[in-house]
Amino acid sequence: MPSYQPSTQAMIGYIGGGMRVETSTLANATYLLGAGGTQTELFNVVGRILVLQLYLELVVAASAHATTIQFNCTFTTPVIALNAMGGASAAITSKGQGQRIVHVGGAVATAAVITDSAGLSDVTCVTPHIVGGHGFVGTIGIAAAAADQASGSFRAMMHYLPYSDGAYAEAAL
């Protein structure tokens, strides 16, 4: 089997799975403060994009607290308040390293799903969402609810396609 150059591998990945952007590793106890309903902006969005995949991956296991996660988008241009992309997930209580909280798309009320085991996603985005519009500037983030996480960490990942000239997404954290 041939060994492809990293740039070739990246291009094949973009063709097959869209542009990928991810955050740095974020501490649960800083960003998943559900008791106060904390909103954390994960990605900046400019223009119109098609969200193909959107998920959080636990880097270090979640604490034994019943935090739920909901994916949202918000825009400053034009001004559009917090807009739910789906329903809240079940509690991430004591979920292990490598488990994911996945935005599944479809109807806006569809809840985010927690994968059943670490390192295997049996759930993906079923119906991609078009986020933004011509001239839009905003963010995609998460709202934690129900309980604060006391420990652990996560990364957020998004795969997308630009759907307007100059459209892009980048990590906000």
N, C-alpha and C. Protein backbone atom coordinates (compact mmCIF):
# COMPACT_ATOMS: atom_id res chain seq x y z
N MET A 1 0.85 -1.18 0.00
CA MET A 1 0.00 0.00 0.00
C MET A 1 0.89 1.24 0.00
N PRO A 2 0.64 2.18 -0.90
CA PRO A 2 1.48 3.39 -0.97
C PRO A 2 1.26 4.30 0.25
N SER A 3 2.28 5.04 0.55
CA SER A 3 2.20 6.01 1.64
C SER A 3 2.04 7.40 1.02
N TYR A 4 0.91 8.02 1.26
CA TYR A 4 0.62 9.32 0.66
C TYR A 4 1.18 10.46 1.50
N GLN A 5 1.55 11.52 0.83
CA GLN A 5 2.03 12.72 1.51
C GLN A 5 0.91 13.29 2.38
N PRO A 6 1.24 13.94 3.51
CA PRO A 6 0.21 14.52 4.38
C PRO A 6 -0.74 15.46 3.64
N SER A 7 -0.24 16.24 2.69
CA SER A 7 -1.12 17.17 1.96
C SER A 7 -2.13 16.40 1.10
N THR A 8 -1.70 15.27 0.52
CA THR A 8 -2.60 14.44 -0.27
C THR A 8 -3.66 13.80 0.63
N GLN A 9 -3.23 13.31 1.78
CA GLN A 9 -4.16 12.73 2.74
C GLN A 9 -5.20 13.76 3.18
N ALA A 10 -4.76 14.98 3.43
CA ALA A 10 -5.69 16.05 3.85
C ALA A 10 -6.70 16.34 2.75
N MET A 11 -6.25 16.42 1.50
CA MET A 11 -7.16 16.72 0.40
C MET A 11 -8.18 15.61 0.22
N ILE A 12 -7.76 14.36 0.31
CA ILE A 12 -8.70 13.23 0.22
C ILE A 12 -9.72 13.32 1.36
N GLY A 13 -9.26 13.67 2.55
CA GLY A 13 -10.16 13.83 3.70
C GLY A 13 -11.18 14.93 3.47
N TYR A 14 -10.76 16.05 2.92
CA TYR A 14 -11.69 17.16 2.65
C TYR A 14 -12.73 16.77 1.61
N ILE A 15 -12.31 16.05 0.58
CA ILE A 15 -13.25 15.63 -0.46
C ILE A 15 -14.29 14.68 0.13
N GLY A 16 -13.85 13.75 0.96
CA GLY A 16 -14.75 12.74 1.50
C GLY A 16 -15.57 13.20 2.70
N GLY A 17 -14.99 14.03 3.55
CA GLY A 17 -15.67 14.37 4.79
C GLY A 17 -15.86 15.84 5.05
N GLY A 18 -15.50 16.69 4.10
CA GLY A 18 -15.63 18.13 4.30
C GLY A 18 -14.43 18.71 5.02
N MET A 19 -14.46 20.02 5.20
CA MET A 19 -13.40 20.72 5.92
C MET A 19 -13.54 20.36 7.40
N ARG A 20 -12.42 20.11 8.08
CA ARG A 20 -12.45 19.76 9.49
C ARG A 20 -11.83 20.87 10.32
N VAL A 21 -12.51 21.21 11.40
CA VAL A 21 -11.98 22.18 12.34
C VAL A 21 -12.24 21.65 13.74
N GLU A 22 -11.30 21.86 14.64
CA GLU A 22 -11.51 21.39 16.01
C GLU A 22 -10.91 22.36 17.00
N THR A 23 -11.46 22.34 18.20
CA THR A 23 -10.98 23.20 19.27
C THR A 23 -9.76 22.57 19.92
N SER A 24 -9.12 23.33 20.78
CA SER A 24 -8.09 22.75 21.64
C SER A 24 -8.79 21.90 22.71
N THR A 25 -8.04 21.24 23.55
CA THR A 25 -8.63 20.47 24.64
C THR A 25 -9.12 21.44 25.70
N LEU A 26 -10.38 21.29 26.10
CA LEU A 26 -11.03 22.22 27.02
C LEU A 26 -11.42 21.50 28.31
N ALA A 27 -11.23 22.15 29.44
CA ALA A 27 -11.54 21.55 30.73
C ALA A 27 -13.05 21.56 30.99
N ASN A 28 -13.61 20.38 31.29
CA ASN A 28 -15.04 20.28 31.61
C ASN A 28 -15.43 21.25 32.72
N ALA A 29 -14.61 21.32 33.77
CA ALA A 29 -14.94 22.13 34.93
C ALA A 29 -14.94 23.62 34.63
N THR A 30 -14.38 24.02 33.49
CA THR A 30 -14.39 25.42 33.07
C THR A 30 -15.53 25.71 32.11
N TYR A 31 -15.80 24.78 31.19
CA TYR A 31 -16.74 25.05 30.10
C TYR A 31 -18.08 24.33 30.21
N LEU A 32 -18.19 23.28 31.01
CA LEU A 32 -19.45 22.55 31.12
C LEU A 32 -20.07 22.80 32.49
N LEU A 33 -20.43 24.05 32.72
CA LEU A 33 -21.04 24.47 33.98
C LEU A 33 -22.54 24.52 33.79
N GLY A 34 -23.18 23.38 33.87
CA GLY A 34 -24.58 23.23 33.55
C GLY A 34 -25.54 23.82 34.56
N ALA A 35 -25.13 23.94 35.82
CA ALA A 35 -26.04 24.47 36.83
C ALA A 35 -26.45 25.90 36.50
N GLY A 36 -25.56 26.63 35.83
CA GLY A 36 -25.88 28.01 35.45
C GLY A 36 -26.32 28.15 34.00
N GLY A 37 -26.43 27.05 33.28
CA GLY A 37 -26.84 27.11 31.88
C GLY A 37 -25.81 27.79 31.01
N THR A 38 -24.54 27.50 31.21
CA THR A 38 -23.45 28.17 30.52
C THR A 38 -23.44 27.88 29.02
N GLN A 39 -23.33 28.92 28.20
CA GLN A 39 -23.16 28.82 26.75
C GLN A 39 -21.68 29.02 26.45
N THR A 40 -21.09 28.11 25.69
CA THR A 40 -19.70 28.21 25.27
C THR A 40 -19.65 28.23 23.75
N GLU A 41 -19.07 29.27 23.18
CA GLU A 41 -18.94 29.38 21.73
C GLU A 41 -17.69 28.61 21.31
N LEU A 42 -17.87 27.61 20.46
CA LEU A 42 -16.79 26.73 20.05
C LEU A 42 -16.18 27.09 18.70
N PHE A 43 -17.04 27.52 17.75
CA PHE A 43 -16.59 27.80 16.39
C PHE A 43 -17.14 29.13 15.91
N ASN A 44 -16.29 29.91 15.24
CA ASN A 44 -16.73 31.12 14.56
C ASN A 44 -17.16 30.71 13.15
N VAL A 45 -18.26 31.29 12.68
CA VAL A 45 -18.79 30.98 11.35
C VAL A 45 -18.95 32.28 10.57
N VAL A 46 -18.44 32.29 9.35
CA VAL A 46 -18.60 33.44 8.46
C VAL A 46 -19.25 32.93 7.18
N GLY A 47 -20.36 33.57 6.79
CA GLY A 47 -21.08 33.16 5.59
C GLY A 47 -22.03 32.01 5.87
N ARG A 48 -22.24 31.19 4.85
CA ARG A 48 -23.17 30.05 4.94
C ARG A 48 -22.37 28.77 4.80
N ILE A 49 -22.54 27.84 5.76
CA ILE A 49 -21.86 26.55 5.70
C ILE A 49 -22.87 25.42 5.85
N LEU A 50 -22.49 24.25 5.38
CA LEU A 50 -23.28 23.04 5.58
C LEU A 50 -22.55 22.21 6.62
N VAL A 51 -23.16 22.04 7.79
CA VAL A 51 -22.55 21.26 8.87
C VAL A 51 -22.81 19.77 8.60
N LEU A 52 -21.73 19.04 8.32
CA LEU A 52 -21.82 17.61 8.01
C LEU A 52 -21.73 16.76 9.27
N GLN A 53 -20.85 17.11 10.18
CA GLN A 53 -20.66 16.41 11.45
C GLN A 53 -20.30 17.45 12.52
N LEU A 54 -20.82 17.24 13.72
CA LEU A 54 -20.55 18.14 14.83
C LEU A 54 -20.64 17.31 16.10
N TYR A 55 -19.55 17.29 16.88
CA TYR A 55 -19.56 16.47 18.09
C TYR A 55 -18.50 16.92 19.09
N LEU A 56 -18.72 16.52 20.33
CA LEU A 56 -17.72 16.66 21.39
C LEU A 56 -17.15 15.28 21.64
N GLU A 57 -15.85 15.21 21.89
CA GLU A 57 -15.22 13.94 22.25
C GLU A 57 -14.54 14.12 23.59
N LEU A 58 -14.86 13.25 24.54
CA LEU A 58 -14.24 13.33 25.86
C LEU A 58 -12.80 12.88 25.77
N VAL A 59 -11.89 13.74 26.19
CA VAL A 59 -10.46 13.43 26.21
C VAL A 59 -10.12 12.77 27.54
N VAL A 60 -10.74 13.25 28.61
CA VAL A 60 -10.65 12.66 29.94
C VAL A 60 -12.08 12.47 30.41
N ALA A 61 -12.39 11.34 31.03
CA ALA A 61 -13.76 10.98 31.41
C ALA A 61 -14.50 12.12 32.13
N ALA A 62 -15.81 12.17 31.93
CA ALA A 62 -16.67 13.14 32.60
C ALA A 62 -16.81 12.77 34.08
N SER A 63 -17.07 13.77 34.89
CA SER A 63 -17.29 13.51 36.31
C SER A 63 -18.68 12.90 36.52
N ALA A 64 -18.96 12.50 37.74
CA ALA A 64 -20.24 11.83 38.07
C ALA A 64 -21.35 12.85 38.30
N HIS A 65 -21.51 13.78 37.36
CA HIS A 65 -22.53 14.82 37.45
C HIS A 65 -23.39 14.78 36.19
N ALA A 66 -24.66 15.04 36.33
CA ALA A 66 -25.64 14.85 35.25
C ALA A 66 -25.76 16.03 34.29
N THR A 67 -24.65 16.44 33.70
CA THR A 67 -24.63 17.56 32.76
C THR A 67 -25.23 17.13 31.42
N THR A 68 -26.03 17.99 30.82
CA THR A 68 -26.54 17.75 29.47
C THR A 68 -25.93 18.78 28.52
N ILE A 69 -25.90 18.45 27.23
CA ILE A 69 -25.26 19.30 26.22
C ILE A 69 -26.26 19.57 25.10
N GLN A 70 -26.34 20.84 24.66
CA GLN A 70 -27.18 21.22 23.52
C GLN A 70 -26.36 22.08 22.57
N PHE A 71 -26.39 21.76 21.28
CA PHE A 71 -25.67 22.54 20.27
C PHE A 71 -26.55 23.70 19.80
N ASN A 72 -25.94 24.89 19.62
CA ASN A 72 -26.66 26.10 19.25
C ASN A 72 -25.86 26.92 18.23
N CYS A 73 -26.56 27.81 17.53
CA CYS A 73 -25.87 28.82 16.72
C CYS A 73 -26.40 30.20 17.12
N THR A 74 -25.55 31.19 16.98
CA THR A 74 -25.87 32.57 17.33
C THR A 74 -25.20 33.47 16.30
N PHE A 75 -25.84 34.59 15.96
CA PHE A 75 -25.24 35.48 14.97
C PHE A 75 -25.21 36.92 15.46
N THR A 76 -24.11 37.60 15.13
CA THR A 76 -23.98 39.03 15.42
C THR A 76 -24.35 39.86 14.20
N THR A 77 -24.16 39.29 13.00
CA THR A 77 -24.52 39.96 11.74
C THR A 77 -25.29 39.00 10.88
N PRO A 78 -26.57 39.18 10.69
CA PRO A 78 -27.46 40.06 11.43
C PRO A 78 -27.63 39.52 12.85
N VAL A 79 -28.19 40.32 13.72
CA VAL A 79 -28.36 39.90 15.12
C VAL A 79 -29.46 38.84 15.20
N ILE A 80 -29.05 37.63 15.58
CA ILE A 80 -29.97 36.52 15.80
C ILE A 80 -29.57 35.87 17.12
N ALA A 81 -30.48 35.88 18.07
CA ALA A 81 -30.20 35.34 19.39
C ALA A 81 -29.95 33.84 19.33
N LEU A 82 -29.53 33.29 20.42
CA LEU A 82 -29.26 31.87 20.55
C LEU A 82 -30.35 31.03 19.89
N ASN A 83 -29.95 30.16 18.97
CA ASN A 83 -30.88 29.37 18.18
C ASN A 83 -30.49 27.90 18.31
N ALA A 84 -31.34 27.09 18.94
CA ALA A 84 -31.03 25.67 19.16
C ALA A 84 -30.91 24.93 17.84
N MET A 85 -29.86 24.17 17.66
CA MET A 85 -29.69 23.32 16.48
C MET A 85 -30.33 21.95 16.71
N GLY A 86 -30.59 21.62 17.96
CA GLY A 86 -31.18 20.34 18.33
C GLY A 86 -31.54 20.35 19.80
N GLY A 87 -32.08 19.25 20.27
CA GLY A 87 -32.41 19.12 21.68
C GLY A 87 -31.19 18.75 22.50
N ALA A 88 -31.32 18.84 23.81
CA ALA A 88 -30.22 18.51 24.72
C ALA A 88 -30.00 17.00 24.76
N SER A 89 -28.75 16.63 24.99
CA SER A 89 -28.38 15.22 25.13
C SER A 89 -28.88 14.68 26.47
N ALA A 90 -28.77 13.39 26.62
CA ALA A 90 -28.95 12.78 27.94
C ALA A 90 -27.74 13.21 28.79
N ALA A 91 -27.77 12.91 30.06
CA ALA A 91 -26.67 13.28 30.97
C ALA A 91 -25.38 12.55 30.59
N ILE A 92 -24.27 13.27 30.67
CA ILE A 92 -22.97 12.67 30.35
C ILE A 92 -22.30 12.11 31.60
N THR A 93 -23.05 11.84 32.62
CA THR A 93 -22.55 11.34 33.90
C THR A 93 -21.54 10.20 33.72
N SER A 94 -20.32 10.43 34.18
CA SER A 94 -19.25 9.41 34.20
C SER A 94 -18.97 8.76 32.84
N LYS A 95 -19.27 9.45 31.76
CA LYS A 95 -18.95 8.90 30.44
C LYS A 95 -17.44 8.87 30.27
N GLY A 96 -16.93 7.84 29.59
CA GLY A 96 -15.50 7.60 29.52
C GLY A 96 -14.76 8.33 28.43
N GLN A 97 -13.46 8.31 28.55
CA GLN A 97 -12.58 8.89 27.54
C GLN A 97 -12.91 8.28 26.19
N GLY A 98 -13.05 9.12 25.17
CA GLY A 98 -13.33 8.66 23.81
C GLY A 98 -14.80 8.60 23.47
N GLN A 99 -15.70 8.76 24.46
CA GLN A 99 -17.13 8.81 24.12
C GLN A 99 -17.44 10.17 23.53
N ARG A 100 -18.47 10.20 22.68
CA ARG A 100 -18.81 11.42 21.95
C ARG A 100 -20.25 11.82 22.19
N ILE A 101 -20.49 13.14 22.18
CA ILE A 101 -21.83 13.71 22.20
C ILE A 101 -22.02 14.27 20.80
N VAL A 102 -22.96 13.70 20.03
CA VAL A 102 -23.06 13.92 18.60
C VAL A 102 -24.34 14.68 18.24
N HIS A 103 -24.18 15.77 17.48
CA HIS A 103 -25.32 16.46 16.87
C HIS A 103 -25.77 15.59 15.70
N VAL A 104 -27.04 15.15 15.72
CA VAL A 104 -27.49 14.23 14.68
C VAL A 104 -28.28 14.90 13.56
N GLY A 105 -28.52 16.19 13.66
CA GLY A 105 -29.23 16.89 12.59
C GLY A 105 -30.69 16.51 12.57
N GLY A 106 -31.28 16.57 11.38
CA GLY A 106 -32.70 16.26 11.27
C GLY A 106 -33.54 17.39 11.81
N ALA A 107 -34.69 17.06 12.36
CA ALA A 107 -35.57 18.07 12.95
C ALA A 107 -34.85 18.78 14.08
N VAL A 108 -35.09 20.07 14.21
CA VAL A 108 -34.38 20.88 15.20
C VAL A 108 -34.56 20.36 16.63
N ALA A 109 -35.65 19.69 16.94
CA ALA A 109 -35.88 19.19 18.28
C ALA A 109 -35.16 17.87 18.57
N THR A 110 -34.49 17.28 17.58
CA THR A 110 -33.81 16.01 17.78
C THR A 110 -32.65 16.18 18.76
N ALA A 111 -32.62 15.37 19.80
CA ALA A 111 -31.59 15.47 20.84
C ALA A 111 -30.23 15.00 20.34
N ALA A 112 -29.18 15.63 20.87
CA ALA A 112 -27.82 15.14 20.64
C ALA A 112 -27.72 13.75 21.27
N VAL A 113 -26.91 12.88 20.69
CA VAL A 113 -26.81 11.49 21.13
C VAL A 113 -25.42 11.22 21.68
N ILE A 114 -25.36 10.45 22.77
CA ILE A 114 -24.09 10.03 23.36
C ILE A 114 -23.77 8.65 22.80
N THR A 115 -22.56 8.48 22.25
CA THR A 115 -22.19 7.17 21.71
C THR A 115 -22.16 6.14 22.82
N ASP A 116 -22.40 4.86 22.46
CA ASP A 116 -22.53 3.83 23.48
C ASP A 116 -21.21 3.33 24.03
N SER A 117 -20.10 3.64 23.37
CA SER A 117 -18.81 3.21 23.87
C SER A 117 -17.73 4.17 23.41
N ALA A 118 -16.58 4.04 24.02
CA ALA A 118 -15.45 4.90 23.67
C ALA A 118 -14.84 4.49 22.35
N GLY A 119 -14.44 5.45 21.54
CA GLY A 119 -13.69 5.18 20.33
C GLY A 119 -14.49 4.64 19.17
N LEU A 120 -15.82 4.58 19.31
CA LEU A 120 -16.65 4.08 18.23
C LEU A 120 -17.89 4.95 18.14
N SER A 121 -18.10 5.59 17.00
CA SER A 121 -19.31 6.39 16.81
C SER A 121 -20.29 5.59 16.00
N ASP A 122 -21.34 5.14 16.66
CA ASP A 122 -22.40 4.42 15.97
C ASP A 122 -23.50 5.37 15.53
N VAL A 123 -23.28 6.66 15.76
CA VAL A 123 -24.24 7.70 15.40
C VAL A 123 -23.49 8.80 14.68
N THR A 124 -24.04 9.29 13.56
CA THR A 124 -23.48 10.43 12.85
C THR A 124 -24.62 11.38 12.52
N CYS A 125 -24.27 12.52 11.98
CA CYS A 125 -25.28 13.50 11.58
C CYS A 125 -26.08 12.92 10.41
N VAL A 126 -27.37 12.75 10.62
CA VAL A 126 -28.25 12.15 9.62
C VAL A 126 -28.61 13.16 8.53
N THR A 127 -29.02 14.34 8.95
CA THR A 127 -29.40 15.40 8.02
C THR A 127 -28.57 16.63 8.32
N PRO A 128 -27.61 16.97 7.46
CA PRO A 128 -26.78 18.16 7.70
C PRO A 128 -27.63 19.44 7.82
N HIS A 129 -27.12 20.39 8.55
CA HIS A 129 -27.79 21.68 8.72
C HIS A 129 -27.06 22.76 7.95
N ILE A 130 -27.81 23.63 7.28
CA ILE A 130 -27.24 24.83 6.68
C ILE A 130 -27.25 25.89 7.77
N VAL A 131 -26.08 26.42 8.08
CA VAL A 131 -25.93 27.40 9.16
C VAL A 131 -25.40 28.69 8.55
N GLY A 132 -26.01 29.82 8.90
CA GLY A 132 -25.59 31.12 8.42
C GLY A 132 -26.28 31.51 7.14
N GLY A 133 -25.70 32.48 6.47
CA GLY A 133 -26.25 33.00 5.23
C GLY A 133 -25.28 33.98 4.62
N HIS A 134 -25.65 34.53 3.47
CA HIS A 134 -24.79 35.50 2.80
C HIS A 134 -24.55 36.70 3.72
N GLY A 135 -23.29 36.99 4.02
CA GLY A 135 -22.94 38.12 4.87
C GLY A 135 -23.09 37.85 6.36
N PHE A 136 -23.43 36.65 6.77
CA PHE A 136 -23.62 36.34 8.18
C PHE A 136 -22.28 36.18 8.90
N VAL A 137 -22.26 36.56 10.18
CA VAL A 137 -21.13 36.33 11.07
C VAL A 137 -21.72 35.83 12.38
N GLY A 138 -21.22 34.69 12.86
CA GLY A 138 -21.77 34.16 14.10
C GLY A 138 -20.92 33.05 14.67
N THR A 139 -21.56 32.22 15.49
CA THR A 139 -20.86 31.14 16.17
C THR A 139 -21.73 29.89 16.26
N ILE A 140 -21.08 28.79 16.47
CA ILE A 140 -21.73 27.54 16.86
C ILE A 140 -21.14 27.18 18.21
N GLY A 141 -22.01 26.87 19.15
CA GLY A 141 -21.54 26.55 20.49
C GLY A 141 -22.40 25.52 21.17
N ILE A 142 -22.16 25.35 22.46
CA ILE A 142 -22.93 24.41 23.26
C ILE A 142 -23.44 25.11 24.51
N ALA A 143 -24.60 24.67 24.96
CA ALA A 143 -25.13 25.09 26.26
C ALA A 143 -25.15 23.86 27.14
N ALA A 144 -24.50 23.97 28.27
CA ALA A 144 -24.53 22.90 29.26
C ALA A 144 -25.68 23.20 30.22
N ALA A 145 -26.33 22.16 30.72
CA ALA A 145 -27.45 22.37 31.64
C ALA A 145 -27.47 21.26 32.68
N ALA A 146 -28.31 21.47 33.67
CA ALA A 146 -28.63 20.51 34.74
C ALA A 146 -27.60 20.45 35.86
N ALA A 147 -26.31 20.26 35.57
CA ALA A 147 -25.31 20.12 36.63
C ALA A 147 -23.93 20.52 36.11
N ASP A 148 -23.09 21.00 37.00
CA ASP A 148 -21.71 21.34 36.65
C ASP A 148 -20.85 20.09 36.57
N GLN A 149 -19.95 20.04 35.60
CA GLN A 149 -18.93 18.99 35.56
C GLN A 149 -17.81 19.41 36.50
N ALA A 150 -17.28 18.47 37.26
CA ALA A 150 -16.23 18.77 38.23
C ALA A 150 -14.84 18.45 37.71
N SER A 151 -14.76 17.62 36.68
CA SER A 151 -13.45 17.23 36.14
C SER A 151 -13.62 16.74 34.71
N GLY A 152 -12.50 16.34 34.11
CA GLY A 152 -12.52 15.84 32.74
C GLY A 152 -12.18 16.91 31.74
N SER A 153 -12.14 16.53 30.46
CA SER A 153 -11.88 17.49 29.38
C SER A 153 -12.44 16.93 28.08
N PHE A 154 -12.59 17.84 27.10
CA PHE A 154 -13.16 17.46 25.80
C PHE A 154 -12.56 18.30 24.70
N ARG A 155 -12.78 17.85 23.48
CA ARG A 155 -12.48 18.61 22.27
C ARG A 155 -13.76 18.64 21.45
N ALA A 156 -13.97 19.71 20.70
CA ALA A 156 -15.13 19.80 19.81
C ALA A 156 -14.63 19.72 18.38
N MET A 157 -15.34 18.95 17.54
CA MET A 157 -14.98 18.77 16.14
C MET A 157 -16.16 19.11 15.25
N MET A 158 -15.87 19.70 14.11
CA MET A 158 -16.90 19.98 13.12
C MET A 158 -16.32 19.72 11.73
N HIS A 159 -17.11 19.06 10.90
CA HIS A 159 -16.80 18.86 9.49
C HIS A 159 -17.86 19.64 8.72
N TYR A 160 -17.45 20.44 7.76
CA TYR A 160 -18.40 21.31 7.06
C TYR A 160 -17.96 21.55 5.63
N LEU A 161 -18.91 22.06 4.84
CA LEU A 161 -18.62 22.52 3.49
C LEU A 161 -19.01 23.99 3.40
N PRO A 162 -18.18 24.83 2.77
CA PRO A 162 -18.59 26.22 2.55
C PRO A 162 -19.75 26.25 1.55
N TYR A 163 -20.78 27.03 1.85
CA TYR A 163 -21.96 27.11 0.98
C TYR A 163 -22.19 28.52 0.44
N SER A 164 -21.25 29.42 0.65
CA SER A 164 -21.29 30.74 0.02
C SER A 164 -19.86 31.18 -0.21
N ASP A 165 -19.64 32.12 -1.13
CA ASP A 165 -18.30 32.60 -1.44
C ASP A 165 -17.63 33.11 -0.17
N GLY A 166 -16.42 32.63 0.08
CA GLY A 166 -15.65 33.10 1.22
C GLY A 166 -16.10 32.54 2.57
N ALA A 167 -17.05 31.63 2.57
CA ALA A 167 -17.56 31.08 3.83
C ALA A 167 -16.51 30.19 4.48
N TYR A 168 -16.46 30.23 5.83
CA TYR A 168 -15.56 29.35 6.57
C TYR A 168 -15.98 29.25 8.02
N ALA A 169 -15.40 28.27 8.70
CA ALA A 169 -15.56 28.13 10.14
C ALA A 169 -14.16 27.94 10.72
N GLU A 170 -13.96 28.42 11.93
CA GLU A 170 -12.69 28.27 12.62
C GLU A 170 -12.95 28.06 14.11
N ALA A 171 -12.01 27.44 14.80
CA ALA A 171 -12.16 27.22 16.23
C ALA A 171 -12.16 28.56 16.96
N ALA A 172 -13.08 28.72 17.89
CA ALA A 172 -13.13 29.94 18.71
C ALA A 172 -12.29 29.75 19.98
N LEU A 173 -12.04 28.50 20.35
CA LEU A 173 -11.25 28.19 21.55
C LEU A 173 -10.13 27.22 21.21
